[in-house]
Amino acid sequence: MRALLSLLTAVFVIFGLLAFAAVKPPDKLVFKTAMGAVTFQHATHVPRVKGDCAVCHDKLFQQSSTAPLNWKAGMHKPAEASKTSCGACHVTGGAAFASMGNCVKCHVKG
């Protein structure tokens, strides 16, 4: 009985891990802004956090392509100061380029 319980537990764990691994994030997310569309590329960001989705989800962003970013005009400085949203990494001295002076790296008009 104990062996059967162990086997069933192992099977559930394996299937749970396989189901979790099968969830593939969208390749890109496009956010419309007044300064031009911002395209978020998962392929660029995932390697930087060594595949650890928990670095951003759900601490900085909900894990949903339809969830609002809660990012409004004039939010760059507050997000950088509080290290929230994109400002968690995109800040002077952060893990990625600072947003100040680098508008066209994210915002594309047209």
PDB file of N, CA and C in Angstrom:
ATOM      1  N   MET A   1       0.823  -1.195   0.000  1.00  0.00           N
ATOM      2  CA  MET A   1       0.000   0.000   0.000  1.00  0.00           C
ATOM      3  C   MET A   1       0.875   1.270   0.000  1.00  0.00           C
ATOM      4  N   ARG A   2       1.912   1.249   0.811  1.00  0.00           N
ATOM      5  CA  ARG A   2       2.812   2.399   0.897  1.00  0.00           C
ATOM      6  C   ARG A   2       3.533   2.621  -0.441  1.00  0.00           C
ATOM      7  N   ALA A   3       3.928   1.539  -1.096  1.00  0.00           N
ATOM      8  CA  ALA A   3       4.602   1.640  -2.396  1.00  0.00           C
ATOM      9  C   ALA A   3       3.656   2.222  -3.441  1.00  0.00           C
ATOM     10  N   LEU A   4       2.389   1.807  -3.401  1.00  0.00           N
ATOM     11  CA  LEU A   4       1.405   2.314  -4.345  1.00  0.00           C
ATOM     12  C   LEU A   4       1.174   3.811  -4.134  1.00  0.00           C
ATOM     13  N   LEU A   5       1.098   4.219  -2.886  1.00  0.00           N
ATOM     14  CA  LEU A   5       0.921   5.631  -2.568  1.00  0.00           C
ATOM     15  C   LEU A   5       2.121   6.454  -3.046  1.00  0.00           C
ATOM     16  N   SER A   6       3.312   5.932  -2.853  1.00  0.00           N
ATOM     17  CA  SER A   6       4.528   6.608  -3.317  1.00  0.00           C
ATOM     18  C   SER A   6       4.540   6.718  -4.839  1.00  0.00           C
ATOM     19  N   LEU A   7       4.151   5.657  -5.497  1.00  0.00           N
ATOM     20  CA  LEU A   7       4.109   5.643  -6.962  1.00  0.00           C
ATOM     21  C   LEU A   7       3.096   6.669  -7.474  1.00  0.00           C
ATOM     22  N   LEU A   8       1.907   6.697  -6.886  1.00  0.00           N
ATOM     23  CA  LEU A   8       0.881   7.658  -7.305  1.00  0.00           C
ATOM     24  C   LEU A   8       1.342   9.096  -7.067  1.00  0.00           C
ATOM     25  N   THR A   9       1.988   9.334  -5.949  1.00  0.00           N
ATOM     26  CA  THR A   9       2.508  10.665  -5.655  1.00  0.00           C
ATOM     27  C   THR A   9       3.534  11.072  -6.708  1.00  0.00           C
ATOM     28  N   ALA A  10       4.439  10.167  -7.039  1.00  0.00           N
ATOM     29  CA  ALA A  10       5.465  10.447  -8.043  1.00  0.00           C
ATOM     30  C   ALA A  10       4.837  10.740  -9.402  1.00  0.00           C
ATOM     31  N   VAL A  11       3.819   9.990  -9.769  1.00  0.00           N
ATOM     32  CA  VAL A  11       3.146  10.197 -11.055  1.00  0.00           C
ATOM     33  C   VAL A  11       2.497  11.584 -11.089  1.00  0.00           C
ATOM     34  N   PHE A  12       1.797  11.945 -10.016  1.00  0.00           N
ATOM     35  CA  PHE A  12       1.163  13.264  -9.969  1.00  0.00           C
ATOM     36  C   PHE A  12       2.198  14.380 -10.036  1.00  0.00           C
ATOM     37  N   VAL A  13       3.304  14.227  -9.348  1.00  0.00           N
ATOM     38  CA  VAL A  13       4.358  15.245  -9.373  1.00  0.00           C
ATOM     39  C   VAL A  13       4.929  15.381 -10.779  1.00  0.00           C
ATOM     40  N   ILE A  14       5.202  14.280 -11.429  1.00  0.00           N
ATOM     41  CA  ILE A  14       5.771  14.300 -12.783  1.00  0.00           C
ATOM     42  C   ILE A  14       4.803  14.956 -13.753  1.00  0.00           C
ATOM     43  N   PHE A  15       3.530  14.548 -13.713  1.00  0.00           N
ATOM     44  CA  PHE A  15       2.552  15.148 -14.618  1.00  0.00           C
ATOM     45  C   PHE A  15       2.347  16.629 -14.319  1.00  0.00           C
ATOM     46  N   GLY A  16       2.387  16.996 -13.052  1.00  0.00           N
ATOM     47  CA  GLY A  16       2.267  18.407 -12.687  1.00  0.00           C
ATOM     48  C   GLY A  16       3.416  19.225 -13.245  1.00  0.00           C
ATOM     49  N   LEU A  17       4.635  18.689 -13.144  1.00  0.00           N
ATOM     50  CA  LEU A  17       5.802  19.394 -13.687  1.00  0.00           C
ATOM     51  C   LEU A  17       5.742  19.495 -15.202  1.00  0.00           C
ATOM     52  N   LEU A  18       5.297  18.432 -15.855  1.00  0.00           N
ATOM     53  CA  LEU A  18       5.178  18.451 -17.314  1.00  0.00           C
ATOM     54  C   LEU A  18       4.128  19.461 -17.757  1.00  0.00           C
ATOM     55  N   ALA A  19       3.013  19.525 -17.049  1.00  0.00           N
ATOM     56  CA  ALA A  19       1.968  20.491 -17.398  1.00  0.00           C
ATOM     57  C   ALA A  19       2.469  21.912 -17.206  1.00  0.00           C
ATOM     58  N   PHE A  20       3.213  22.152 -16.126  1.00  0.00           N
ATOM     59  CA  PHE A  20       3.765  23.479 -15.868  1.00  0.00           C
ATOM     60  C   PHE A  20       4.779  23.855 -16.942  1.00  0.00           C
ATOM     61  N   ALA A  21       5.634  22.910 -17.324  1.00  0.00           N
ATOM     62  CA  ALA A  21       6.668  23.179 -18.327  1.00  0.00           C
ATOM     63  C   ALA A  21       6.058  23.409 -19.702  1.00  0.00           C
ATOM     64  N   ALA A  22       4.879  22.857 -19.947  1.00  0.00           N
ATOM     65  CA  ALA A  22       4.243  22.991 -21.251  1.00  0.00           C
ATOM     66  C   ALA A  22       3.642  24.379 -21.462  1.00  0.00           C
ATOM     67  N   VAL A  23       3.482  25.151 -20.403  1.00  0.00           N
ATOM     68  CA  VAL A  23       2.933  26.497 -20.526  1.00  0.00           C
ATOM     69  C   VAL A  23       4.011  27.392 -21.116  1.00  0.00           C
ATOM     70  N   LYS A  24       3.766  27.841 -22.329  1.00  0.00           N
ATOM     71  CA  LYS A  24       4.749  28.674 -23.024  1.00  0.00           C
ATOM     72  C   LYS A  24       4.245  30.110 -23.024  1.00  0.00           C
ATOM     73  N   PRO A  25       5.081  31.042 -22.603  1.00  0.00           N
ATOM     74  CA  PRO A  25       4.641  32.437 -22.609  1.00  0.00           C
ATOM     75  C   PRO A  25       4.498  32.936 -24.042  1.00  0.00           C
ATOM     76  N   PRO A  26       3.705  33.975 -24.237  1.00  0.00           N
ATOM     77  CA  PRO A  26       3.614  34.544 -25.588  1.00  0.00           C
ATOM     78  C   PRO A  26       4.987  35.078 -26.004  1.00  0.00           C
ATOM     79  N   ASP A  27       5.289  34.957 -27.290  1.00  0.00           N
ATOM     80  CA  ASP A  27       6.581  35.440 -27.784  1.00  0.00           C
ATOM     81  C   ASP A  27       6.748  36.933 -27.553  1.00  0.00           C
ATOM     82  N   LYS A  28       5.659  37.660 -27.786  1.00  0.00           N
ATOM     83  CA  LYS A  28       5.735  39.105 -27.589  1.00  0.00           C
ATOM     84  C   LYS A  28       4.385  39.631 -27.127  1.00  0.00           C
ATOM     85  N   LEU A  29       4.442  40.741 -26.425  1.00  0.00           N
ATOM     86  CA  LEU A  29       3.260  41.477 -26.002  1.00  0.00           C
ATOM     87  C   LEU A  29       3.427  42.900 -26.516  1.00  0.00           C
ATOM     88  N   VAL A  30       2.388  43.452 -27.112  1.00  0.00           N
ATOM     89  CA  VAL A  30       2.453  44.806 -27.646  1.00  0.00           C
ATOM     90  C   VAL A  30       1.503  45.693 -26.849  1.00  0.00           C
ATOM     91  N   PHE A  31       2.043  46.781 -26.324  1.00  0.00           N
ATOM     92  CA  PHE A  31       1.276  47.733 -25.536  1.00  0.00           C
ATOM     93  C   PHE A  31       1.220  49.049 -26.289  1.00  0.00           C
ATOM     94  N   LYS A  32       0.012  49.550 -26.525  1.00  0.00           N
ATOM     95  CA  LYS A  32      -0.176  50.825 -27.226  1.00  0.00           C
ATOM     96  C   LYS A  32       0.008  51.968 -26.236  1.00  0.00           C
ATOM     97  N   THR A  33       0.827  52.935 -26.601  1.00  0.00           N
ATOM     98  CA  THR A  33       1.031  54.123 -25.767  1.00  0.00           C
ATOM     99  C   THR A  33       1.026  55.356 -26.659  1.00  0.00           C
ATOM    100  N   ALA A  34       0.859  56.514 -26.060  1.00  0.00           N
ATOM    101  CA  ALA A  34       0.866  57.767 -26.815  1.00  0.00           C
ATOM    102  C   ALA A  34       2.227  58.032 -27.453  1.00  0.00           C
ATOM    103  N   MET A  35       3.290  57.495 -26.867  1.00  0.00           N
ATOM    104  CA  MET A  35       4.651  57.697 -27.377  1.00  0.00           C
ATOM    105  C   MET A  35       5.047  56.667 -28.427  1.00  0.00           C
ATOM    106  N   GLY A  36       4.134  55.756 -28.768  1.00  0.00           N
ATOM    107  CA  GLY A  36       4.410  54.695 -29.721  1.00  0.00           C
ATOM    108  C   GLY A  36       4.298  53.343 -29.045  1.00  0.00           C
ATOM    109  N   ALA A  37       4.033  52.338 -29.832  1.00  0.00           N
ATOM    110  CA  ALA A  37       3.828  50.988 -29.298  1.00  0.00           C
ATOM    111  C   ALA A  37       5.104  50.458 -28.650  1.00  0.00           C
ATOM    112  N   VAL A  38       4.926  49.769 -27.539  1.00  0.00           N
ATOM    113  CA  VAL A  38       6.034  49.113 -26.845  1.00  0.00           C
ATOM    114  C   VAL A  38       5.837  47.610 -27.018  1.00  0.00           C
ATOM    115  N   THR A  39       6.832  46.950 -27.579  1.00  0.00           N
ATOM    116  CA  THR A  39       6.770  45.507 -27.769  1.00  0.00           C
ATOM    117  C   THR A  39       7.687  44.842 -26.756  1.00  0.00           C
ATOM    118  N   PHE A  40       7.099  44.024 -25.903  1.00  0.00           N
ATOM    119  CA  PHE A  40       7.860  43.267 -24.907  1.00  0.00           C
ATOM    120  C   PHE A  40       8.181  41.902 -25.499  1.00  0.00           C
ATOM    121  N   GLN A  41       9.444  41.567 -25.594  1.00  0.00           N
ATOM    122  CA  GLN A  41       9.900  40.281 -26.139  1.00  0.00           C
ATOM    123  C   GLN A  41      10.322  39.366 -24.990  1.00  0.00           C
ATOM    124  N   HIS A  42       9.591  38.269 -24.794  1.00  0.00           N
ATOM    125  CA  HIS A  42       9.975  37.323 -23.750  1.00  0.00           C
ATOM    126  C   HIS A  42      11.372  36.751 -24.028  1.00  0.00           C
ATOM    127  N   ALA A  43      11.668  36.476 -25.299  1.00  0.00           N
ATOM    128  CA  ALA A  43      12.950  35.852 -25.653  1.00  0.00           C
ATOM    129  C   ALA A  43      14.139  36.707 -25.221  1.00  0.00           C
ATOM    130  N   THR A  44      13.965  38.000 -25.144  1.00  0.00           N
ATOM    131  CA  THR A  44      15.035  38.898 -24.708  1.00  0.00           C
ATOM    132  C   THR A  44      15.167  38.895 -23.192  1.00  0.00           C
ATOM    133  N   HIS A  45      14.052  38.805 -22.499  1.00  0.00           N
ATOM    134  CA  HIS A  45      14.046  38.964 -21.047  1.00  0.00           C
ATOM    135  C   HIS A  45      14.271  37.668 -20.266  1.00  0.00           C
ATOM    136  N   VAL A  46      13.748  36.558 -20.740  1.00  0.00           N
ATOM    137  CA  VAL A  46      13.839  35.287 -19.997  1.00  0.00           C
ATOM    138  C   VAL A  46      15.282  34.855 -19.727  1.00  0.00           C
ATOM    139  N   PRO A  47      16.181  34.920 -20.704  1.00  0.00           N
ATOM    140  CA  PRO A  47      17.574  34.524 -20.413  1.00  0.00           C
ATOM    141  C   PRO A  47      18.241  35.408 -19.355  1.00  0.00           C
ATOM    142  N   ARG A  48      17.853  36.666 -19.293  1.00  0.00           N
ATOM    143  CA  ARG A  48      18.462  37.587 -18.323  1.00  0.00           C
ATOM    144  C   ARG A  48      18.141  37.210 -16.885  1.00  0.00           C
ATOM    145  N   VAL A  49      16.985  36.547 -16.687  1.00  0.00           N
ATOM    146  CA  VAL A  49      16.603  36.114 -15.340  1.00  0.00           C
ATOM    147  C   VAL A  49      16.790  34.603 -15.187  1.00  0.00           C
ATOM    148  N   LYS A  50      17.556  34.029 -16.126  1.00  0.00           N
ATOM    149  CA  LYS A  50      17.876  32.599 -16.113  1.00  0.00           C
ATOM    150  C   LYS A  50      16.626  31.726 -16.055  1.00  0.00           C
ATOM    151  N   GLY A  51      15.588  32.145 -16.783  1.00  0.00           N
ATOM    152  CA  GLY A  51      14.362  31.370 -16.886  1.00  0.00           C
ATOM    153  C   GLY A  51      13.491  31.372 -15.646  1.00  0.00           C
ATOM    154  N   ASP A  52      13.821  32.195 -14.673  1.00  0.00           N
ATOM    155  CA  ASP A  52      13.059  32.238 -13.423  1.00  0.00           C
ATOM    156  C   ASP A  52      11.914  33.242 -13.558  1.00  0.00           C
ATOM    157  N   CYS A  53      10.746  32.743 -13.941  1.00  0.00           N
ATOM    158  CA  CYS A  53       9.580  33.596 -14.170  1.00  0.00           C
ATOM    159  C   CYS A  53       9.188  34.382 -12.916  1.00  0.00           C
ATOM    160  N   ALA A  54       9.501  33.838 -11.733  1.00  0.00           N
ATOM    161  CA  ALA A  54       9.121  34.476 -10.466  1.00  0.00           C
ATOM    162  C   ALA A  54       9.834  35.809 -10.244  1.00  0.00           C
ATOM    163  N   VAL A  55      10.893  36.093 -10.999  1.00  0.00           N
ATOM    164  CA  VAL A  55      11.568  37.383 -10.863  1.00  0.00           C
ATOM    165  C   VAL A  55      10.588  38.508 -11.211  1.00  0.00           C
ATOM    166  N   CYS A  56       9.758  38.287 -12.211  1.00  0.00           N
ATOM    167  CA  CYS A  56       8.790  39.306 -12.635  1.00  0.00           C
ATOM    168  C   CYS A  56       7.348  38.982 -12.258  1.00  0.00           C
ATOM    169  N   HIS A  57       7.003  37.705 -12.314  1.00  0.00           N
ATOM    170  CA  HIS A  57       5.613  37.280 -12.061  1.00  0.00           C
ATOM    171  C   HIS A  57       5.476  36.681 -10.682  1.00  0.00           C
ATOM    172  N   ASP A  58       4.584  37.066  -9.942  1.00  0.00           N
ATOM    173  CA  ASP A  58       3.551  38.070 -10.038  1.00  0.00           C
ATOM    174  C   ASP A  58       3.942  39.321  -9.265  1.00  0.00           C
ATOM    175  N   LYS A  59       5.200  39.392  -8.888  1.00  0.00           N
ATOM    176  CA  LYS A  59       5.681  40.541  -8.104  1.00  0.00           C
ATOM    177  C   LYS A  59       5.568  41.851  -8.883  1.00  0.00           C
ATOM    178  N   LEU A  60       6.002  41.859 -10.143  1.00  0.00           N
ATOM    179  CA  LEU A  60       5.980  43.087 -10.942  1.00  0.00           C
ATOM    180  C   LEU A  60       4.815  43.115 -11.925  1.00  0.00           C
ATOM    181  N   PHE A  61       4.494  41.973 -12.500  1.00  0.00           N
ATOM    182  CA  PHE A  61       3.445  41.869 -13.511  1.00  0.00           C
ATOM    183  C   PHE A  61       2.624  40.616 -13.265  1.00  0.00           C
ATOM    184  N   GLN A  62       1.315  40.719 -13.496  1.00  0.00           N
ATOM    185  CA  GLN A  62       0.481  39.526 -13.447  1.00  0.00           C
ATOM    186  C   GLN A  62       0.870  38.631 -14.608  1.00  0.00           C
ATOM    187  N   GLN A  63       0.732  37.341 -14.438  1.00  0.00           N
ATOM    188  CA  GLN A  63       1.111  36.404 -15.494  1.00  0.00           C
ATOM    189  C   GLN A  63      -0.086  36.189 -16.414  1.00  0.00           C
ATOM    190  N   SER A  64      -0.416  37.248 -17.151  1.00  0.00           N
ATOM    191  CA  SER A  64      -1.549  37.233 -18.060  1.00  0.00           C
ATOM    192  C   SER A  64      -1.293  38.249 -19.161  1.00  0.00           C
ATOM    193  N   SER A  65      -1.503  37.823 -20.393  1.00  0.00           N
ATOM    194  CA  SER A  65      -1.259  38.742 -21.514  1.00  0.00           C
ATOM    195  C   SER A  65      -2.351  39.798 -21.619  1.00  0.00           C
ATOM    196  N   THR A  66      -3.444  39.627 -20.889  1.00  0.00           N
ATOM    197  CA  THR A  66      -4.530  40.598 -20.954  1.00  0.00           C
ATOM    198  C   THR A  66      -4.602  41.482 -19.706  1.00  0.00           C
ATOM    199  N   ALA A  67      -3.770  41.195 -18.710  1.00  0.00           N
ATOM    200  CA  ALA A  67      -3.792  41.991 -17.473  1.00  0.00           C
ATOM    201  C   ALA A  67      -3.218  43.377 -17.741  1.00  0.00           C
ATOM    202  N   PRO A  68      -3.799  44.407 -17.155  1.00  0.00           N
ATOM    203  CA  PRO A  68      -3.264  45.758 -17.367  1.00  0.00           C
ATOM    204  C   PRO A  68      -1.906  45.921 -16.703  1.00  0.00           C
ATOM    205  N   LEU A  69      -1.048  46.717 -17.312  1.00  0.00           N
ATOM    206  CA  LEU A  69       0.268  46.993 -16.737  1.00  0.00           C
ATOM    207  C   LEU A  69       0.196  48.039 -15.637  1.00  0.00           C
ATOM    208  N   ASN A  70      -0.903  48.773 -15.600  1.00  0.00           N
ATOM    209  CA  ASN A  70      -1.042  49.900 -14.673  1.00  0.00           C
ATOM    210  C   ASN A  70       0.089  50.903 -14.893  1.00  0.00           C
ATOM    211  N   TRP A  71       0.424  51.111 -16.140  1.00  0.00           N
ATOM    212  CA  TRP A  71       1.496  52.028 -16.537  1.00  0.00           C
ATOM    213  C   TRP A  71       0.834  53.203 -17.227  1.00  0.00           C
ATOM    214  N   LYS A  72       1.004  54.383 -16.699  1.00  0.00           N
ATOM    215  CA  LYS A  72       0.349  55.568 -17.247  1.00  0.00           C
ATOM    216  C   LYS A  72       1.405  56.586 -17.683  1.00  0.00           C
ATOM    217  N   ALA A  73       0.958  57.583 -18.402  1.00  0.00           N
ATOM    218  CA  ALA A  73       1.862  58.660 -18.812  1.00  0.00           C
ATOM    219  C   ALA A  73       2.530  59.250 -17.574  1.00  0.00           C
ATOM    220  N   GLY A  74       3.811  59.518 -17.680  1.00  0.00           N
ATOM    221  CA  GLY A  74       4.545  60.097 -16.561  1.00  0.00           C
ATOM    222  C   GLY A  74       4.922  59.092 -15.483  1.00  0.00           C
ATOM    223  N   MET A  75       4.812  57.805 -15.793  1.00  0.00           N
ATOM    224  CA  MET A  75       5.088  56.785 -14.777  1.00  0.00           C
ATOM    225  C   MET A  75       6.544  56.318 -14.755  1.00  0.00           C
ATOM    226  N   HIS A  76       7.354  56.712 -15.710  1.00  0.00           N
ATOM    227  CA  HIS A  76       8.732  56.225 -15.737  1.00  0.00           C
ATOM    228  C   HIS A  76       9.473  56.552 -14.438  1.00  0.00           C
ATOM    229  N   LYS A  77       9.471  57.819 -14.049  1.00  0.00           N
ATOM    230  CA  LYS A  77      10.208  58.220 -12.844  1.00  0.00           C
ATOM    231  C   LYS A  77       9.680  57.546 -11.582  1.00  0.00           C
ATOM    232  N   PRO A  78       8.342  57.520 -11.361  1.00  0.00           N
ATOM    233  CA  PRO A  78       7.848  56.822 -10.161  1.00  0.00           C
ATOM    234  C   PRO A  78       8.180  55.327 -10.171  1.00  0.00           C
ATOM    235  N   ALA A  79       8.093  54.679 -11.339  1.00  0.00           N
ATOM    236  CA  ALA A  79       8.397  53.247 -11.422  1.00  0.00           C
ATOM    237  C   ALA A  79       9.874  52.992 -11.159  1.00  0.00           C
ATOM    238  N   GLU A  80      10.725  53.861 -11.657  1.00  0.00           N
ATOM    239  CA  GLU A  80      12.156  53.713 -11.410  1.00  0.00           C
ATOM    240  C   GLU A  80      12.469  53.954  -9.935  1.00  0.00           C
ATOM    241  N   ALA A  81      11.844  54.971  -9.348  1.00  0.00           N
ATOM    242  CA  ALA A  81      12.102  55.289  -7.936  1.00  0.00           C
ATOM    243  C   ALA A  81      11.640  54.163  -7.016  1.00  0.00           C
ATOM    244  N   SER A  82      10.504  53.554  -7.343  1.00  0.00           N
ATOM    245  CA  SER A  82       9.959  52.492  -6.487  1.00  0.00           C
ATOM    246  C   SER A  82      10.376  51.095  -6.948  1.00  0.00           C
ATOM    247  N   LYS A  83      11.118  51.041  -8.059  1.00  0.00           N
ATOM    248  CA  LYS A  83      11.566  49.772  -8.647  1.00  0.00           C
ATOM    249  C   LYS A  83      10.396  48.817  -8.867  1.00  0.00           C
ATOM    250  N   THR A  84       9.351  49.379  -9.517  1.00  0.00           N
ATOM    251  CA  THR A  84       8.182  48.596  -9.871  1.00  0.00           C
ATOM    252  C   THR A  84       8.049  48.561 -11.380  1.00  0.00           C
ATOM    253  N   SER A  85       7.218  47.668 -11.875  1.00  0.00           N
ATOM    254  CA  SER A  85       6.957  47.522 -13.300  1.00  0.00           C
ATOM    255  C   SER A  85       8.297  47.431 -14.050  1.00  0.00           C
ATOM    256  N   CYS A  86       8.395  48.028 -15.205  1.00  0.00           N
ATOM    257  CA  CYS A  86       9.629  47.983 -16.003  1.00  0.00           C
ATOM    258  C   CYS A  86      10.789  48.654 -15.278  1.00  0.00           C
ATOM    259  N   GLY A  87      10.455  49.601 -14.392  1.00  0.00           N
ATOM    260  CA  GLY A  87      11.459  50.340 -13.641  1.00  0.00           C
ATOM    261  C   GLY A  87      12.226  49.495 -12.642  1.00  0.00           C
ATOM    262  N   ALA A  88      11.810  48.257 -12.428  1.00  0.00           N
ATOM    263  CA  ALA A  88      12.556  47.373 -11.528  1.00  0.00           C
ATOM    264  C   ALA A  88      13.944  47.073 -12.095  1.00  0.00           C
ATOM    265  N   CYS A  89      14.036  46.969 -13.414  1.00  0.00           N
ATOM    266  CA  CYS A  89      15.325  46.679 -14.067  1.00  0.00           C
ATOM    267  C   CYS A  89      15.815  47.841 -14.918  1.00  0.00           C
ATOM    268  N   HIS A  90      14.873  48.538 -15.573  1.00  0.00           N
ATOM    269  CA  HIS A  90      15.237  49.616 -16.486  1.00  0.00           C
ATOM    270  C   HIS A  90      15.370  50.937 -15.727  1.00  0.00           C
ATOM    271  N   VAL A  91      16.455  51.043 -14.976  1.00  0.00           N
ATOM    272  CA  VAL A  91      16.754  52.203 -14.156  1.00  0.00           C
ATOM    273  C   VAL A  91      18.275  52.355 -14.123  1.00  0.00           C
ATOM    274  N   THR A  92      18.760  53.553 -13.946  1.00  0.00           N
ATOM    275  CA  THR A  92      20.204  53.772 -13.869  1.00  0.00           C
ATOM    276  C   THR A  92      20.804  52.869 -12.795  1.00  0.00           C
ATOM    277  N   GLY A  93      21.783  52.074 -13.180  1.00  0.00           N
ATOM    278  CA  GLY A  93      22.419  51.133 -12.254  1.00  0.00           C
ATOM    279  C   GLY A  93      21.663  49.829 -12.100  1.00  0.00           C
ATOM    280  N   GLY A  94      20.565  49.667 -12.840  1.00  0.00           N
ATOM    281  CA  GLY A  94      19.763  48.445 -12.757  1.00  0.00           C
ATOM    282  C   GLY A  94      20.313  47.337 -13.635  1.00  0.00           C
ATOM    283  N   ALA A  95      19.543  46.274 -13.742  1.00  0.00           N
ATOM    284  CA  ALA A  95      19.963  45.103 -14.512  1.00  0.00           C
ATOM    285  C   ALA A  95      19.895  45.322 -16.020  1.00  0.00           C
ATOM    286  N   ALA A  96      19.190  46.371 -16.460  1.00  0.00           N
ATOM    287  CA  ALA A  96      19.036  46.646 -17.891  1.00  0.00           C
ATOM    288  C   ALA A  96      19.203  48.146 -18.126  1.00  0.00           C
ATOM    289  N   PHE A  97      19.213  48.541 -19.386  1.00  0.00           N
ATOM    290  CA  PHE A  97      19.401  49.956 -19.713  1.00  0.00           C
ATOM    291  C   PHE A  97      18.333  50.804 -19.037  1.00  0.00           C
ATOM    292  N   ALA A  98      18.708  51.998 -18.651  1.00  0.00           N
ATOM    293  CA  ALA A  98      17.769  52.936 -18.028  1.00  0.00           C
ATOM    294  C   ALA A  98      16.826  53.481 -19.098  1.00  0.00           C
ATOM    295  N   SER A  99      15.588  53.733 -18.724  1.00  0.00           N
ATOM    296  CA  SER A  99      14.616  54.249 -19.689  1.00  0.00           C
ATOM    297  C   SER A  99      14.915  55.696 -20.080  1.00  0.00           C
ATOM    298  N   MET A 100      15.476  56.479 -19.158  1.00  0.00           N
ATOM    299  CA  MET A 100      15.742  57.895 -19.442  1.00  0.00           C
ATOM    300  C   MET A 100      16.715  58.037 -20.614  1.00  0.00           C
ATOM    301  N   GLY A 101      16.264  58.751 -21.640  1.00  0.00           N
ATOM    302  CA  GLY A 101      17.100  58.999 -22.796  1.00  0.00           C
ATOM    303  C   GLY A 101      17.135  57.846 -23.792  1.00  0.00           C
ATOM    304  N   ASN A 102      16.398  56.791 -23.518  1.00  0.00           N
ATOM    305  CA  ASN A 102      16.399  55.626 -24.390  1.00  0.00           C
ATOM    306  C   ASN A 102      14.987  55.293 -24.887  1.00  0.00           C
ATOM    307  N   CYS A 103      14.188  56.313 -25.110  1.00  0.00           N
ATOM    308  CA  CYS A 103      12.775  56.130 -25.479  1.00  0.00           C
ATOM    309  C   CYS A 103      12.586  55.185 -26.671  1.00  0.00           C
ATOM    310  N   VAL A 104      13.419  55.384 -27.727  1.00  0.00           N
ATOM    311  CA  VAL A 104      13.224  54.608 -28.956  1.00  0.00           C
ATOM    312  C   VAL A 104      13.625  53.144 -28.814  1.00  0.00           C
ATOM    313  N   LYS A 105      14.272  52.772 -27.725  1.00  0.00           N
ATOM    314  CA  LYS A 105      14.575  51.354 -27.525  1.00  0.00           C
ATOM    315  C   LYS A 105      13.302  50.564 -27.244  1.00  0.00           C
ATOM    316  N   CYS A 106      12.287  51.244 -26.732  1.00  0.00           N
ATOM    317  CA  CYS A 106      11.022  50.567 -26.401  1.00  0.00           C
ATOM    318  C   CYS A 106       9.854  51.115 -27.236  1.00  0.00           C
ATOM    319  N   HIS A 107       9.782  52.428 -27.388  1.00  0.00           N
ATOM    320  CA  HIS A 107       8.649  53.058 -28.052  1.00  0.00           C
ATOM    321  C   HIS A 107       8.926  53.187 -29.553  1.00  0.00           C
ATOM    322  N   VAL A 108       8.002  52.644 -30.360  1.00  0.00           N
ATOM    323  CA  VAL A 108       8.122  52.710 -31.817  1.00  0.00           C
ATOM    324  C   VAL A 108       6.869  53.356 -32.382  1.00  0.00           C
ATOM    325  N   LYS A 109       7.041  54.493 -33.031  1.00  0.00           N
ATOM    326  CA  LYS A 109       5.903  55.191 -33.638  1.00  0.00           C
ATOM    327  C   LYS A 109       5.593  54.580 -34.996  1.00  0.00           C
ATOM    328  N   GLY A 110       4.299  54.653 -35.348  1.00  0.00           N
ATOM    329  CA  GLY A 110       3.881  54.201 -36.680  1.00  0.00           C
ATOM    330  C   GLY A 110       3.484  52.837 -36.672  1.00  0.00           C
TER     331      GLY A 110
END
